[in-house]
């Protein structure tokens, strides 16, 4: 029996209580705490991409939103 590596596990949405597959990566940083080039990442499903993005954007933290590699959003 082998132990699954982190890349074998499905990426899930970062929204509280959500277990849906992540299809978006929201890259952010808090400029008061992090260097300008440092990025943290929240993952989002289609349903929570807006609310998580709005939360980060309202605080001036959102830097980029990109499709998660292997997600269907890359086919759009």
Protein backbone atom coordinates (compact mmCIF):
# COMPACT_ATOMS: atom_id res chain seq x y z
CA UNK A 1 0.00 0.00 0.00
CA UNK A 2 1.39 3.40 -0.95
CA UNK A 3 0.74 6.73 0.67
CA UNK A 4 -0.75 9.23 -1.80
CA UNK A 5 1.41 12.24 -2.51
CA UNK A 6 -0.10 15.73 -2.22
CA UNK A 7 -0.25 15.94 -6.03
CA UNK A 8 -2.41 12.78 -6.11
CA UNK A 9 -5.04 14.38 -3.90
CA UNK A 10 -7.77 16.55 -5.38
CA UNK A 11 -7.43 20.25 -4.64
CA UNK A 12 -10.44 21.56 -2.74
CA UNK A 13 -11.95 25.01 -2.36
CA UNK A 14 -10.64 27.17 0.50
CA UNK A 15 -14.11 28.45 1.45
CA UNK A 16 -15.15 27.36 4.93
CA UNK A 17 -16.98 24.04 4.83
CA UNK A 18 -16.72 23.63 1.05
CA UNK A 19 -15.32 20.34 -0.24
CA UNK A 20 -15.81 21.06 -3.96
CA UNK A 21 -12.97 20.72 -6.44
CA UNK A 22 -10.93 23.89 -6.86
CA UNK A 23 -10.73 25.31 -10.36
CA UNK A 24 -9.35 28.78 -9.55
CA UNK A 25 -6.22 29.93 -7.71
CA UNK A 26 -6.52 33.35 -6.06
CA UNK A 27 -3.05 34.74 -5.47
CA UNK A 28 -2.80 37.38 -2.78
CA UNK A 29 -0.61 39.07 -0.22
CA UNK A 30 -1.03 41.54 2.59
CA UNK A 31 1.35 44.39 1.74
CA UNK A 32 1.65 45.35 5.41
CA UNK A 33 2.97 41.87 6.26
CA UNK A 34 4.50 40.43 3.08
CA UNK A 35 7.12 41.51 0.56
CA UNK A 36 5.65 42.71 -2.75
CA UNK A 37 6.74 39.55 -4.60
CA UNK A 38 5.42 37.10 -1.99
CA UNK A 39 2.18 35.35 -2.92
CA UNK A 40 -0.18 33.24 -0.87
CA UNK A 41 -2.87 31.18 -2.57
CA UNK A 42 -6.49 30.42 -1.84
CA UNK A 43 -8.23 27.86 -4.01
CA UNK A 44 -11.80 28.37 -5.16
CA UNK A 45 -14.57 26.34 -6.77
CA UNK A 46 -16.84 28.02 -9.33
CA UNK A 47 -19.40 28.89 -6.62
CA UNK A 48 -16.92 30.60 -4.25
CA UNK A 49 -14.58 32.30 -6.72
CA UNK A 50 -16.58 35.54 -6.48
CA UNK A 51 -16.99 35.71 -2.71
CA UNK A 52 -13.37 34.79 -1.93
CA UNK A 53 -12.11 37.19 -4.61
CA UNK A 54 -14.36 40.00 -3.37
CA UNK A 55 -13.12 39.47 0.21
CA UNK A 56 -9.48 39.76 -0.85
CA UNK A 57 -10.09 42.59 -3.32
CA UNK A 58 -11.97 44.71 -0.75
CA UNK A 59 -8.85 44.64 1.42
CA UNK A 60 -6.45 45.34 -1.46
CA UNK A 61 -4.89 41.88 -1.14
CA UNK A 62 -5.91 40.21 -4.43
CA UNK A 63 -3.06 40.06 -6.95
CA UNK A 64 -4.14 37.51 -9.58
CA UNK A 65 -6.77 34.90 -10.39
CA UNK A 66 -5.60 31.97 -12.51
CA UNK A 67 -7.04 28.58 -13.45
CA UNK A 68 -5.78 25.65 -11.40
CA UNK A 69 -3.66 23.39 -13.66
CA UNK A 70 -5.80 20.53 -14.91
CA UNK A 71 -9.09 22.31 -14.24
CA UNK A 72 -11.76 22.64 -16.91
CA UNK A 73 -11.31 26.43 -16.86
CA UNK A 74 -8.18 25.96 -18.99
CA UNK A 75 -10.40 24.74 -21.81
CA UNK A 76 -12.51 27.93 -21.92
